């Protein structure tokens, strides 16, 4: 739920990006 965490996950892996998109 942190901005840095979201950014790290987004740049970390495409799978994480998909999860973030689901949350948002």
C-alpha atoms as a PDB file:
ATOM      1  CA  UNK A   1       0.000   0.000   0.000  1.00  0.00           C
ATOM      2  CA  UNK A   2       3.058   2.214  -0.105  1.00  0.00           C
ATOM      3  CA  UNK A   3       3.934   4.271  -3.152  1.00  0.00           C
ATOM      4  CA  UNK A   4       7.492   2.951  -3.132  1.00  0.00           C
ATOM      5  CA  UNK A   5       6.234  -0.604  -2.742  1.00  0.00           C
ATOM      6  CA  UNK A   6       3.840  -0.264  -5.658  1.00  0.00           C
ATOM      7  CA  UNK A   7       6.575   1.271  -7.799  1.00  0.00           C
ATOM      8  CA  UNK A   8       9.027  -1.481  -6.887  1.00  0.00           C
ATOM      9  CA  UNK A   9       6.496  -4.204  -7.647  1.00  0.00           C
ATOM     10  CA  UNK A  10       5.541  -2.531 -10.926  1.00  0.00           C
ATOM     11  CA  UNK A  11       9.140  -2.397 -12.097  1.00  0.00           C
ATOM     12  CA  UNK A  12       9.935  -5.691 -10.403  1.00  0.00           C
ATOM     13  CA  UNK A  13       7.769  -7.994 -12.492  1.00  0.00           C
ATOM     14  CA  UNK A  14       4.977  -7.908 -15.043  1.00  0.00           C
ATOM     15  CA  UNK A  15       2.954 -10.276 -12.861  1.00  0.00           C
ATOM     16  CA  UNK A  16       3.074  -7.723 -10.040  1.00  0.00           C
ATOM     17  CA  UNK A  17       1.830  -5.079 -12.457  1.00  0.00           C
ATOM     18  CA  UNK A  18      -1.179  -7.228 -13.269  1.00  0.00           C
ATOM     19  CA  UNK A  19      -1.943  -7.617  -9.568  1.00  0.00           C
ATOM     20  CA  UNK A  20      -1.641  -3.870  -9.000  1.00  0.00           C
ATOM     21  CA  UNK A  21      -4.037  -3.246 -11.887  1.00  0.00           C
ATOM     22  CA  UNK A  22      -6.540  -5.573 -10.214  1.00  0.00           C
ATOM     23  CA  UNK A  23      -6.228  -3.661  -6.949  1.00  0.00           C
ATOM     24  CA  UNK A  24      -6.617  -0.306  -8.674  1.00  0.00           C
END
